Amino acid sequence: MSSRFSEFLSAEKIDHRRLLAASRRLERLRPEDRQLRLARRLKKGSEAAAAPAAEGAEKKAPAKPHSGRPVTPRLLEQALAGAAISGPQKTRLLRALNNVLAQKKKGEVDLRKVF
């Protein structure tokens, strides 16, 4: 039994290995993500020690950090088979899929269209 996700990949002629590579590149932790995690950890540990580090982070608008969890081959197999997938996993798959579609000069797709 094929899923809507696998049918969409075959219709758009997208290789699943491209999704894995795109997700690995998109979700990789960057230095600013690590700084946010450090500031959060220091703030949680002690309020006095984290004050100087947190002041710099609060002045800027907080950007959404990368998760550091790329799409795995196991997750991709589940999605292709039509198994149940959690919301964050669907979001990571969709983010990688939209990145590949942008490379192919095609428009982004909605989550409801794919899953």
Protein backbone atom coordinates (compact mmCIF):
# COMPACT_ATOMS: atom_id res chain seq x y z
CA MET A 1 0.00 0.00 0.00
CA SER A 2 1.48 3.32 -0.99
CA SER A 3 0.90 6.56 0.84
CA ARG A 4 0.13 10.03 -0.44
CA PHE A 5 3.70 10.95 0.42
CA SER A 6 5.20 8.20 -1.75
CA GLU A 7 2.81 9.03 -4.58
CA PHE A 8 3.82 12.68 -4.38
CA LEU A 9 7.52 11.79 -4.48
CA SER A 10 7.03 9.58 -7.53
CA ALA A 11 4.89 12.21 -9.30
CA GLU A 12 7.51 14.92 -8.71
CA LYS A 13 10.38 12.50 -9.50
CA ILE A 14 12.17 13.13 -6.20
CA ASP A 15 14.66 10.58 -4.93
CA HIS A 16 14.30 9.85 -1.21
CA ARG A 17 18.07 10.16 -0.74
CA ARG A 18 17.82 13.84 -1.69
CA LEU A 19 15.36 14.31 1.16
CA LEU A 20 17.79 12.73 3.62
CA ALA A 21 20.64 14.98 2.46
CA ALA A 22 18.51 18.14 2.47
CA SER A 23 17.19 17.41 5.96
CA ARG A 24 20.68 16.74 7.30
CA ARG A 25 21.81 20.11 5.94
CA LEU A 26 18.73 22.03 7.13
CA GLU A 27 18.47 20.63 10.64
CA ARG A 28 22.18 20.75 11.52
CA LEU A 29 22.89 22.75 14.67
CA ARG A 30 24.64 26.04 14.00
CA PRO A 31 26.71 28.14 16.43
CA GLU A 32 23.79 30.48 17.17
CA ASP A 33 21.62 27.47 18.04
CA ARG A 34 24.26 26.24 20.46
CA GLN A 35 24.47 29.71 22.03
CA LEU A 36 20.71 29.72 22.60
CA ARG A 37 20.89 26.30 24.23
CA LEU A 38 23.78 27.40 26.44
CA ALA A 39 21.95 30.56 27.52
CA ARG A 40 18.82 28.54 28.32
CA ARG A 41 20.84 25.99 30.30
CA LEU A 42 22.68 28.67 32.27
CA LYS A 43 19.45 30.52 32.99
CA LYS A 44 17.86 27.33 34.25
CA GLY A 45 20.86 26.55 36.51
CA SER A 46 21.21 29.87 38.28
CA GLU A 47 19.56 33.20 37.62
CA ALA A 48 22.55 35.34 38.75
CA ALA A 49 25.17 33.66 36.57
CA ALA A 50 23.01 33.74 33.46
CA ALA A 51 22.15 37.44 33.62
CA PRO A 52 25.05 38.68 31.43
CA ALA A 53 24.60 35.93 28.86
CA ALA A 54 20.84 36.28 28.73
CA GLU A 55 20.90 40.07 28.31
CA GLY A 56 22.57 39.79 24.92
CA ALA A 57 20.16 37.12 23.76
CA GLU A 58 17.04 39.00 24.88
CA LYS A 59 17.86 42.18 22.96
CA LYS A 60 17.55 40.44 19.61
CA ALA A 61 14.34 38.90 18.41
CA PRO A 62 14.60 35.21 19.28
CA ALA A 63 14.96 33.14 16.12
CA LYS A 64 13.59 29.65 15.98
CA PRO A 65 16.53 27.29 16.55
CA HIS A 66 17.17 24.26 14.39
CA SER A 67 16.20 20.98 15.95
CA GLY A 68 19.42 19.09 15.30
CA ARG A 69 17.31 16.04 14.41
CA PRO A 70 17.31 15.31 10.69
CA VAL A 71 15.04 12.91 8.85
CA THR A 72 16.30 9.37 9.35
CA PRO A 73 16.07 6.48 6.88
CA ARG A 74 13.71 4.71 9.28
CA LEU A 75 11.37 7.70 9.39
CA LEU A 76 11.44 7.95 5.61
CA GLU A 77 10.54 4.26 5.27
CA GLN A 78 7.60 4.76 7.64
CA ALA A 79 6.40 7.77 5.66
CA LEU A 80 6.67 5.91 2.37
CA ALA A 81 4.75 2.95 3.81
CA GLY A 82 1.99 5.17 5.18
CA ALA A 83 2.58 4.43 8.87
CA ALA A 84 1.62 6.86 11.63
CA ILE A 85 4.08 9.75 11.99
CA SER A 86 4.16 12.44 14.67
CA GLY A 87 3.69 16.13 13.92
CA PRO A 88 7.32 17.23 14.31
CA GLN A 89 8.44 14.38 12.06
CA LYS A 90 5.98 15.48 9.38
CA THR A 91 7.26 19.03 9.69
CA ARG A 92 10.87 17.95 9.20
CA LEU A 93 9.90 15.87 6.16
CA LEU A 94 7.93 18.77 4.71
CA ARG A 95 10.78 21.23 5.29
CA ALA A 96 13.21 18.94 3.44
CA LEU A 97 10.69 18.32 0.66
CA ASN A 98 10.08 22.04 0.14
CA ASN A 99 13.83 22.61 0.03
CA VAL A 100 14.22 20.00 -2.72
CA LEU A 101 11.27 21.47 -4.62
CA ALA A 102 12.84 24.93 -4.40
CA GLN A 103 16.03 23.51 -5.91
CA LYS A 104 13.92 22.15 -8.77
CA LYS A 105 12.33 25.62 -9.23
CA LYS A 106 8.90 24.40 -8.13
CA GLY A 107 6.53 25.91 -5.59
CA GLU A 108 6.23 24.86 -1.98
CA VAL A 109 3.56 22.37 -0.95
CA ASP A 110 1.24 22.31 2.02
CA LEU A 111 1.35 19.68 4.75
CA ARG A 112 -2.21 18.55 3.96
CA LYS A 113 -1.36 17.88 0.34
CA VAL A 114 1.48 15.51 1.19
CA PHE A 115 0.23 13.70 4.33
